[in-house]
Structures are given as C-alpha cells and as structure tokens.
Amino acid sequence: MKIRAPQHRARRHGFTLFEMVVVVGIFVLLAGGVYSVVSAAVRASAVLADENLQSQRRNAFVNLLRRTFHNLPATAQITGGIRMLDGKGAPEIVLRDAPGVFAWGYGSPSAGTIMLSAVPRLGGGMQFSLLTLPSSLSEAELRNAVEKGKWLRLMPDLREVRWRFYDQVQMEWLDAWEEGRGRPPLVELTFTELGEEVPRTYMFWIPPVKEYQPPAQPAEGAPSPTPPEPQPPTP
C-alpha cells in the first residue's frame, strides 16, 4: 500500500475586509485632521491679511488728512456739518480756495470746491469719498453735482462717522462749522469701522491765518518820534 505524504494547503496571505475598513477609516481620520489644520491656517492667514490691509488703508487715510490740514494755504476756507444724500445724512468737510489740495482728484482742484464726505454705500454703511467741483456753481448746480458727481472712494466699510470743530472763542466743540467763522484751530474725526464696536478718534491741527496789519501811522499834526541819541561807549 502506498502511503501518500500529507498535503498542506498553501495559505493565502492578505487583508480581510474588516482590516481594509479599519485602514480606510484611519486614513479618513488623518486626512480630515490635516484638512482641518490646513483650512484653519488658511482662514487665519486670510483674516490677518484683511486686517493688515485695513490697517494700512486707515493709516494712509489719516496721514493724508493730517498732511492736508497741516499744509492748508492761507486762502483756504473750511465748512462742515451734515449733508443729506439719498435721504441719509452724510458728515462732510468742504474746503474752498485751497490750491494744490487733493490735486489728483477729479475736476480743477487748483481753485475749486473740495468735498470730503462719508457717503452712504450699497449694502449699508458709509465710505469716505472725495469730490472736486468748480468754484463757480450755483446752489442748484452744486446739489446736482453732489448727487451725480464722480466720487473718488478713499476709505470704505464704515459704520458711523462724526466731525467736530473746536471753537476757540467759546471754548467748546461744535458739530457744524458755518461759512464765515474763519478756520477752526482743531478738527476732530471719529469713525467706527464695520465689524467693530469701539470708535476711533483722531484730532488734526489747522494752522491759523493772521491778517496783515500795516504799521500804525502817526496822527496828523502829532510830533514824529525822535530817535534816541547815541550813547558814548562805556569805558
């Protein structure tokens, strides 16, 4: 009788379905964790970039105002208050006869009217905008130009804006500065950006204008002042 040698079946080595499910689950968890970390880093970077851009825009705008007010020519006149635009109040400052101020604006800024207003914008809020107009406009032409003029946007995304003017005679701050009052020594700007609750306040100094007064002439018939006699030198 022939004795057959025992035959051993070759075992197949591989992963079971359960093991594959576990591996896929671990891979999904790792991929989800990596995606969450990368997504959070991208969002944080975008927020930081937006805040940096907004800070640069704000600083540039404030520095522009500071240089403008500080270097106003002696002929410049200032008025300010609230103007109604599209049924909403727009805080503004108007500069008249200010050669060279905002020379890159529209129109003829050398001897015109320059309006810096916080105009309402689409979607809510306000934005600081600049409008340069000729000085020889009637009141009706001025209203039409303000409503249909080409405003140059300087700073968007504002929620509240307020101008104040310091009256040196009454020693108090005023919300409006009418024509004929001269020039205020100080101007204060307060605004709140969209998404913020704490307002920002900036104060600007305006150089005073002193009128030239010729020297007083002696009255007719009055003796002319006699110059002092030279004194001998002291030994």
C-alpha atoms as a PDB file:
ATOM      1  CA  MET A   1       0.000   0.000   0.000  1.00  0.00           C
ATOM      2  CA  LYS A   2       1.303   3.298  -0.963  1.00  0.00           C
ATOM      3  CA  ILE A   3       1.306   5.908   1.766  1.00  0.00           C
ATOM      4  CA  ARG A   4       0.653   9.339   0.487  1.00  0.00           C
ATOM      5  CA  ALA A   5       2.522  12.182   2.010  1.00  0.00           C
ATOM      6  CA  PRO A   6       0.266  14.713   3.748  1.00  0.00           C
ATOM      7  CA  GLN A   7      -0.536  17.615   1.535  1.00  0.00           C
ATOM      8  CA  HIS A   8      -0.558  21.040   3.162  1.00  0.00           C
ATOM      9  CA  ARG A   9      -2.718  23.630   1.500  1.00  0.00           C
ATOM     10  CA  ALA A  10      -0.936  26.876   0.828  1.00  0.00           C
ATOM     11  CA  ARG A  11      -2.417  29.651   2.972  1.00  0.00           C
ATOM     12  CA  ARG A  12      -3.178  32.851   1.142  1.00  0.00           C
ATOM     13  CA  HIS A  13      -1.786  35.913   2.890  1.00  0.00           C
ATOM     14  CA  GLY A  14      -3.846  39.185   2.552  1.00  0.00           C
ATOM     15  CA  PHE A  15      -6.089  41.683   4.312  1.00  0.00           C
ATOM     16  CA  THR A  16      -9.553  40.858   5.387  1.00  0.00           C
ATOM     17  CA  LEU A  17     -12.478  43.138   4.718  1.00  0.00           C
ATOM     18  CA  PHE A  18     -12.505  44.261   8.331  1.00  0.00           C
ATOM     19  CA  GLU A  19      -8.845  45.225   8.174  1.00  0.00           C
ATOM     20  CA  MET A  20      -9.421  47.216   4.995  1.00  0.00           C
ATOM     21  CA  VAL A  21     -12.309  49.066   6.630  1.00  0.00           C
ATOM     22  CA  VAL A  22     -10.126  49.916   9.621  1.00  0.00           C
ATOM     23  CA  VAL A  23      -7.301  51.168   7.388  1.00  0.00           C
ATOM     24  CA  VAL A  24      -9.646  53.299   5.314  1.00  0.00           C
ATOM     25  CA  GLY A  25     -11.215  54.721   8.477  1.00  0.00           C
ATOM     26  CA  ILE A  26      -7.811  55.682   9.873  1.00  0.00           C
ATOM     27  CA  PHE A  27      -6.831  57.290   6.571  1.00  0.00           C
ATOM     28  CA  VAL A  28     -10.068  59.287   6.510  1.00  0.00           C
ATOM     29  CA  LEU A  29      -9.471  60.492  10.076  1.00  0.00           C
ATOM     30  CA  LEU A  30      -5.908  61.540   9.281  1.00  0.00           C
ATOM     31  CA  ALA A  31      -6.964  63.275   6.085  1.00  0.00           C
ATOM     32  CA  GLY A  32      -9.774  65.078   7.929  1.00  0.00           C
ATOM     33  CA  GLY A  33      -7.376  66.238  10.634  1.00  0.00           C
ATOM     34  CA  VAL A  34      -4.861  67.519   8.119  1.00  0.00           C
ATOM     35  CA  TYR A  35      -7.595  69.301   6.170  1.00  0.00           C
ATOM     36  CA  SER A  36      -8.929  70.952   9.336  1.00  0.00           C
ATOM     37  CA  VAL A  37      -5.465  72.182  10.306  1.00  0.00           C
ATOM     38  CA  VAL A  38      -4.691  73.495   6.819  1.00  0.00           C
ATOM     39  CA  SER A  39      -8.134  75.094   6.466  1.00  0.00           C
ATOM     40  CA  ALA A  40      -7.808  76.843   9.838  1.00  0.00           C
ATOM     41  CA  ALA A  41      -4.345  78.112   8.898  1.00  0.00           C
ATOM     42  CA  VAL A  42      -5.624  79.448   5.560  1.00  0.00           C
ATOM     43  CA  ARG A  43      -8.568  81.213   7.239  1.00  0.00           C
ATOM     44  CA  ALA A  44      -6.316  82.731   9.885  1.00  0.00           C
ATOM     45  CA  SER A  45      -3.910  83.908   7.202  1.00  0.00           C
ATOM     46  CA  ALA A  46      -6.763  85.469   5.204  1.00  0.00           C
ATOM     47  CA  VAL A  47      -8.141  87.251   8.276  1.00  0.00           C
ATOM     48  CA  LEU A  48      -4.679  88.537   9.174  1.00  0.00           C
ATOM     49  CA  ALA A  49      -4.136  89.774   5.619  1.00  0.00           C
ATOM     50  CA  ASP A  50      -7.507  91.585   5.645  1.00  0.00           C
ATOM     51  CA  GLU A  51      -6.756  93.216   8.998  1.00  0.00           C
ATOM     52  CA  ASN A  52      -3.321  94.275   7.783  1.00  0.00           C
ATOM     53  CA  LEU A  53      -4.791  95.759   4.592  1.00  0.00           C
ATOM     54  CA  GLN A  54      -7.474  97.608   6.557  1.00  0.00           C
ATOM     55  CA  SER A  55      -4.870  98.956   8.980  1.00  0.00           C
ATOM     56  CA  GLN A  56      -2.681 100.199   6.114  1.00  0.00           C
ATOM     57  CA  ARG A  57      -5.663 101.834   4.415  1.00  0.00           C
ATOM     58  CA  ARG A  58      -6.715 103.511   7.657  1.00  0.00           C
ATOM     59  CA  ASN A  59      -3.233 104.812   8.432  1.00  0.00           C
ATOM     60  CA  ALA A  60      -2.792 106.121   4.887  1.00  0.00           C
ATOM     61  CA  PHE A  61      -6.149 107.913   5.052  1.00  0.00           C
ATOM     62  CA  VAL A  62      -5.424 109.520   8.439  1.00  0.00           C
ATOM     63  CA  ASN A  63      -1.933 110.602   7.344  1.00  0.00           C
ATOM     64  CA  LEU A  64      -3.398 112.098   4.170  1.00  0.00           C
ATOM     65  CA  LEU A  65      -5.865 114.144   6.230  1.00  0.00           C
ATOM     66  CA  ARG A  66      -3.151 115.231   8.652  1.00  0.00           C
ATOM     67  CA  ARG A  67      -0.879 116.479   5.857  1.00  0.00           C
ATOM     68  CA  THR A  68      -3.790 118.155   4.092  1.00  0.00           C
ATOM     69  CA  PHE A  69      -4.973 120.103   7.137  1.00  0.00           C
ATOM     70  CA  HIS A  70      -1.454 120.955   8.259  1.00  0.00           C
ATOM     71  CA  ASN A  71      -0.476 122.353   4.826  1.00  0.00           C
ATOM     72  CA  LEU A  72      -3.648 124.267   4.000  1.00  0.00           C
ATOM     73  CA  PRO A  73      -2.888 127.517   2.181  1.00  0.00           C
ATOM     74  CA  ALA A  74      -3.866 130.806   3.752  1.00  0.00           C
ATOM     75  CA  THR A  75      -6.696 131.254   1.230  1.00  0.00           C
ATOM     76  CA  ALA A  76      -8.459 128.015   2.167  1.00  0.00           C
ATOM     77  CA  GLN A  77     -11.825 128.223   3.904  1.00  0.00           C
ATOM     78  CA  ILE A  78     -13.394 125.370   5.873  1.00  0.00           C
ATOM     79  CA  THR A  79     -17.026 124.458   6.459  1.00  0.00           C
ATOM     80  CA  GLY A  80     -18.506 121.256   7.776  1.00  0.00           C
ATOM     81  CA  GLY A  81     -21.607 119.511   9.007  1.00  0.00           C
ATOM     82  CA  ILE A  82     -24.229 117.061   7.756  1.00  0.00           C
ATOM     83  CA  ARG A  83     -25.428 116.973   4.140  1.00  0.00           C
ATOM     84  CA  MET A  84     -28.427 114.915   3.049  1.00  0.00           C
ATOM     85  CA  LEU A  85     -27.581 112.414   0.292  1.00  0.00           C
ATOM     86  CA  ASP A  86     -30.183 109.901  -0.892  1.00  0.00           C
ATOM     87  CA  GLY A  87     -32.272 110.654   2.162  1.00  0.00           C
ATOM     88  CA  LYS A  88     -29.414 109.919   4.575  1.00  0.00           C
ATOM     89  CA  GLY A  89     -27.109 112.204   6.476  1.00  0.00           C
ATOM     90  CA  ALA A  90     -23.547 112.385   5.179  1.00  0.00           C
ATOM     91  CA  PRO A  91     -20.977 114.004   7.505  1.00  0.00           C
ATOM     92  CA  GLU A  92     -18.656 116.118   5.433  1.00  0.00           C
ATOM     93  CA  ILE A  93     -15.945 118.767   5.324  1.00  0.00           C
ATOM     94  CA  VAL A  94     -15.776 121.296   2.482  1.00  0.00           C
ATOM     95  CA  LEU A  95     -12.568 123.110   1.507  1.00  0.00           C
ATOM     96  CA  ARG A  96     -12.799 126.163  -0.710  1.00  0.00           C
ATOM     97  CA  ASP A  97      -9.994 128.060  -2.451  1.00  0.00           C
ATOM     98  CA  ALA A  98      -7.311 125.550  -1.499  1.00  0.00           C
ATOM     99  CA  PRO A  99      -4.807 125.360  -4.385  1.00  0.00           C
ATOM    100  CA  GLY A 100      -2.929 122.096  -4.636  1.00  0.00           C
ATOM    101  CA  VAL A 101      -5.072 120.161  -2.149  1.00  0.00           C
ATOM    102  CA  PHE A 102      -6.038 116.709  -3.452  1.00  0.00           C
ATOM    103  CA  ALA A 103      -4.575 117.571  -6.841  1.00  0.00           C
ATOM    104  CA  TRP A 104      -5.140 114.021  -8.087  1.00  0.00           C
ATOM    105  CA  GLY A 105      -8.933 114.300  -7.779  1.00  0.00           C
ATOM    106  CA  TYR A 106     -11.480 114.986 -10.482  1.00  0.00           C
ATOM    107  CA  GLY A 107     -12.049 118.446 -11.869  1.00  0.00           C
ATOM    108  CA  SER A 108      -9.931 121.510 -11.178  1.00  0.00           C
ATOM    109  CA  PRO A 109      -8.647 121.417  -7.607  1.00  0.00           C
ATOM    110  CA  SER A 110      -6.449 124.497  -8.002  1.00  0.00           C
ATOM    111  CA  ALA A 111      -9.228 126.961  -7.161  1.00  0.00           C
ATOM    112  CA  GLY A 112     -12.383 124.909  -6.722  1.00  0.00           C
ATOM    113  CA  THR A 113     -14.509 123.305  -4.051  1.00  0.00           C
ATOM    114  CA  ILE A 114     -13.324 120.079  -2.458  1.00  0.00           C
ATOM    115  CA  MET A 115     -15.828 117.909  -0.604  1.00  0.00           C
ATOM    116  CA  LEU A 116     -14.774 115.071   1.687  1.00  0.00           C
ATOM    117  CA  SER A 117     -17.938 113.211   2.691  1.00  0.00           C
ATOM    118  CA  ALA A 118     -18.903 109.943   4.321  1.00  0.00           C
ATOM    119  CA  VAL A 119     -21.466 108.975   1.673  1.00  0.00           C
ATOM    120  CA  PRO A 120     -23.838 106.009   2.042  1.00  0.00           C
ATOM    121  CA  ARG A 121     -22.831 102.910   0.094  1.00  0.00           C
ATOM    122  CA  LEU A 122     -24.731  99.969  -1.351  1.00  0.00           C
ATOM    123  CA  GLY A 123     -25.342  97.237   1.180  1.00  0.00           C
ATOM    124  CA  GLY A 124     -25.277  99.592   4.151  1.00  0.00           C
ATOM    125  CA  GLY A 125     -22.609 101.531   5.914  1.00  0.00           C
ATOM    126  CA  MET A 126     -20.609 104.502   4.676  1.00  0.00           C
ATOM    127  CA  GLN A 127     -17.429 105.220   2.787  1.00  0.00           C
ATOM    128  CA  PHE A 128     -15.212 108.288   2.751  1.00  0.00           C
ATOM    129  CA  SER A 129     -15.266 109.754  -0.750  1.00  0.00           C
ATOM    130  CA  LEU A 130     -13.816 112.839  -2.395  1.00  0.00           C
ATOM    131  CA  LEU A 131     -15.467 115.148  -4.905  1.00  0.00           C
ATOM    132  CA  THR A 132     -13.791 118.150  -6.528  1.00  0.00           C
ATOM    133  CA  LEU A 133     -16.012 120.783  -8.138  1.00  0.00           C
ATOM    134  CA  PRO A 134     -15.536 124.179  -9.811  1.00  0.00           C
ATOM    135  CA  SER A 135     -15.958 127.154  -7.518  1.00  0.00           C
ATOM    136  CA  SER A 136     -18.418 128.965  -9.810  1.00  0.00           C
ATOM    137  CA  LEU A 137     -21.504 126.805  -9.229  1.00  0.00           C
ATOM    138  CA  SER A 138     -24.945 127.917  -8.192  1.00  0.00           C
ATOM    139  CA  GLU A 139     -26.723 126.171  -5.341  1.00  0.00           C
ATOM    140  CA  ALA A 140     -28.841 124.108  -7.744  1.00  0.00           C
ATOM    141  CA  GLU A 141     -25.795 123.135  -9.812  1.00  0.00           C
ATOM    142  CA  LEU A 142     -23.960 122.214  -6.624  1.00  0.00           C
ATOM    143  CA  ARG A 143     -26.767 119.915  -5.464  1.00  0.00           C
ATOM    144  CA  ASN A 144     -26.920 118.247  -8.873  1.00  0.00           C
ATOM    145  CA  ALA A 145     -23.132 117.789  -8.942  1.00  0.00           C
ATOM    146  CA  VAL A 146     -23.128 116.291  -5.459  1.00  0.00           C
ATOM    147  CA  GLU A 147     -25.842 113.780  -6.369  1.00  0.00           C
ATOM    148  CA  LYS A 148     -24.466 112.830  -9.798  1.00  0.00           C
ATOM    149  CA  GLY A 149     -20.775 113.642  -9.469  1.00  0.00           C
ATOM    150  CA  LYS A 150     -17.908 111.188  -9.731  1.00  0.00           C
ATOM    151  CA  TRP A 151     -16.947 110.470  -6.146  1.00  0.00           C
ATOM    152  CA  LEU A 152     -13.465 109.102  -5.572  1.00  0.00           C
ATOM    153  CA  ARG A 153     -13.544 106.442  -2.870  1.00  0.00           C
ATOM    154  CA  LEU A 154     -10.857 106.792  -0.218  1.00  0.00           C
ATOM    155  CA  MET A 155     -11.915 104.530   2.649  1.00  0.00           C
ATOM    156  CA  PRO A 156     -14.838 102.045   2.630  1.00  0.00           C
ATOM    157  CA  ASP A 157     -16.542  99.879   5.260  1.00  0.00           C
ATOM    158  CA  LEU A 158     -17.516 102.466   7.857  1.00  0.00           C
ATOM    159  CA  ARG A 159     -20.476 102.256  10.201  1.00  0.00           C
ATOM    160  CA  GLU A 160     -20.530 105.661  11.908  1.00  0.00           C
ATOM    161  CA  VAL A 161     -18.720 108.930  11.157  1.00  0.00           C
ATOM    162  CA  ARG A 162     -18.636 112.214  13.044  1.00  0.00           C
ATOM    163  CA  TRP A 163     -16.788 115.507  12.534  1.00  0.00           C
ATOM    164  CA  ARG A 164     -16.346 118.102  15.273  1.00  0.00           C
ATOM    165  CA  PHE A 165     -14.805 121.572  15.199  1.00  0.00           C
ATOM    166  CA  TYR A 166     -13.275 123.423  18.106  1.00  0.00           C
ATOM    167  CA  ASP A 167     -14.461 126.992  18.693  1.00  0.00           C
ATOM    168  CA  GLN A 168     -11.594 128.824  20.367  1.00  0.00           C
ATOM    169  CA  VAL A 169     -13.783 131.774  21.355  1.00  0.00           C
ATOM    170  CA  GLN A 170     -16.500 129.752  23.086  1.00  0.00           C
ATOM    171  CA  MET A 171     -14.004 127.043  24.088  1.00  0.00           C
ATOM    172  CA  GLU A 172     -16.283 124.181  23.037  1.00  0.00           C
ATOM    173  CA  TRP A 173     -16.655 121.562  20.306  1.00  0.00           C
ATOM    174  CA  LEU A 174     -19.254 122.130  17.603  1.00  0.00           C
ATOM    175  CA  ASP A 175     -20.882 119.590  15.281  1.00  0.00           C
ATOM    176  CA  ALA A 176     -21.093 122.095  12.413  1.00  0.00           C
ATOM    177  CA  TRP A 177     -18.836 124.874  11.183  1.00  0.00           C
ATOM    178  CA  GLU A 178     -20.612 127.502   9.121  1.00  0.00           C
ATOM    179  CA  GLU A 179     -19.129 129.705   6.448  1.00  0.00           C
ATOM    180  CA  GLY A 180     -17.775 133.000   7.672  1.00  0.00           C
ATOM    181  CA  ARG A 181     -16.485 131.708  11.012  1.00  0.00           C
ATOM    182  CA  GLY A 182     -12.889 131.620   9.840  1.00  0.00           C
ATOM    183  CA  ARG A 183     -10.854 128.471  10.413  1.00  0.00           C
ATOM    184  CA  PRO A 184     -11.086 126.260  13.468  1.00  0.00           C
ATOM    185  CA  PRO A 185      -7.785 125.542  15.204  1.00  0.00           C
ATOM    186  CA  LEU A 186      -8.673 121.873  15.721  1.00  0.00           C
ATOM    187  CA  VAL A 187     -10.774 119.344  13.832  1.00  0.00           C
ATOM    188  CA  GLU A 188     -11.783 116.006  15.318  1.00  0.00           C
ATOM    189  CA  LEU A 189     -12.775 112.916  13.333  1.00  0.00           C
ATOM    190  CA  THR A 190     -14.437 109.890  14.936  1.00  0.00           C
ATOM    191  CA  PHE A 191     -15.448 106.814  12.964  1.00  0.00           C
ATOM    192  CA  THR A 192     -16.350 103.188  13.623  1.00  0.00           C
ATOM    193  CA  GLU A 193     -15.498 100.542  11.056  1.00  0.00           C
ATOM    194  CA  LEU A 194     -17.864  97.756  10.092  1.00  0.00           C
ATOM    195  CA  GLY A 195     -17.420  94.783  12.400  1.00  0.00           C
ATOM    196  CA  GLU A 196     -16.051  96.914  15.238  1.00  0.00           C
ATOM    197  CA  GLU A 197     -17.738  98.371  18.289  1.00  0.00           C
ATOM    198  CA  VAL A 198     -15.063 100.730  19.600  1.00  0.00           C
ATOM    199  CA  PRO A 199     -14.840 104.045  17.681  1.00  0.00           C
ATOM    200  CA  ARG A 200     -11.523 105.561  16.642  1.00  0.00           C
ATOM    201  CA  THR A 201     -10.875 109.260  17.232  1.00  0.00           C
ATOM    202  CA  TYR A 202      -8.269 111.427  15.515  1.00  0.00           C
ATOM    203  CA  MET A 203      -7.508 115.108  16.031  1.00  0.00           C
ATOM    204  CA  PHE A 204      -5.999 117.406  13.399  1.00  0.00           C
ATOM    205  CA  TRP A 205      -4.360 120.789  13.890  1.00  0.00           C
ATOM    206  CA  ILE A 206      -5.023 123.555  11.379  1.00  0.00           C
ATOM    207  CA  PRO A 207      -2.505 126.414  11.162  1.00  0.00           C
ATOM    208  CA  PRO A 208      -4.076 129.781  11.988  1.00  0.00           C
ATOM    209  CA  VAL A 209      -4.261 132.613   9.490  1.00  0.00           C
ATOM    210  CA  LYS A 210      -3.187 136.059  10.672  1.00  0.00           C
ATOM    211  CA  GLU A 211      -4.311 139.035   8.682  1.00  0.00           C
ATOM    212  CA  TYR A 212      -1.615 141.524   7.733  1.00  0.00           C
ATOM    213  CA  GLN A 213      -1.883 144.777   9.645  1.00  0.00           C
ATOM    214  CA  PRO A 214       0.171 147.692   8.351  1.00  0.00           C
ATOM    215  CA  PRO A 215       2.088 149.687  10.945  1.00  0.00           C
ATOM    216  CA  ALA A 216       0.115 152.483  12.537  1.00  0.00           C
ATOM    217  CA  GLN A 217       0.754 155.926  11.066  1.00  0.00           C
ATOM    218  CA  PRO A 218       1.141 158.866  13.444  1.00  0.00           C
ATOM    219  CA  ALA A 219      -1.826 161.198  13.587  1.00  0.00           C
ATOM    220  CA  GLU A 220      -1.662 164.357  11.524  1.00  0.00           C
ATOM    221  CA  GLY A 221      -0.043 167.143  13.471  1.00  0.00           C
ATOM    222  CA  ALA A 222       1.426 164.772  16.029  1.00  0.00           C
ATOM    223  CA  PRO A 223       5.157 165.094  16.565  1.00  0.00           C
ATOM    224  CA  SER A 224       7.223 162.407  14.929  1.00  0.00           C
ATOM    225  CA  PRO A 225       9.044 160.134  17.333  1.00  0.00           C
ATOM    226  CA  THR A 226      12.604 161.309  17.897  1.00  0.00           C
ATOM    227  CA  PRO A 227      15.194 158.565  17.548  1.00  0.00           C
ATOM    228  CA  PRO A 228      17.271 158.044  20.695  1.00  0.00           C
ATOM    229  CA  GLU A 229      20.619 159.832  20.800  1.00  0.00           C
ATOM    230  CA  PRO A 230      23.618 157.565  20.593  1.00  0.00           C
ATOM    231  CA  GLN A 231      25.206 156.988  23.951  1.00  0.00           C
ATOM    232  CA  PRO A 232      29.008 157.197  24.380  1.00  0.00           C
ATOM    233  CA  PRO A 233      30.664 153.879  24.879  1.00  0.00           C
ATOM    234  CA  THR A 234      31.198 152.882  28.440  1.00  0.00           C
ATOM    235  CA  PRO A 235      34.943 152.784  29.287  1.00  0.00           C
END
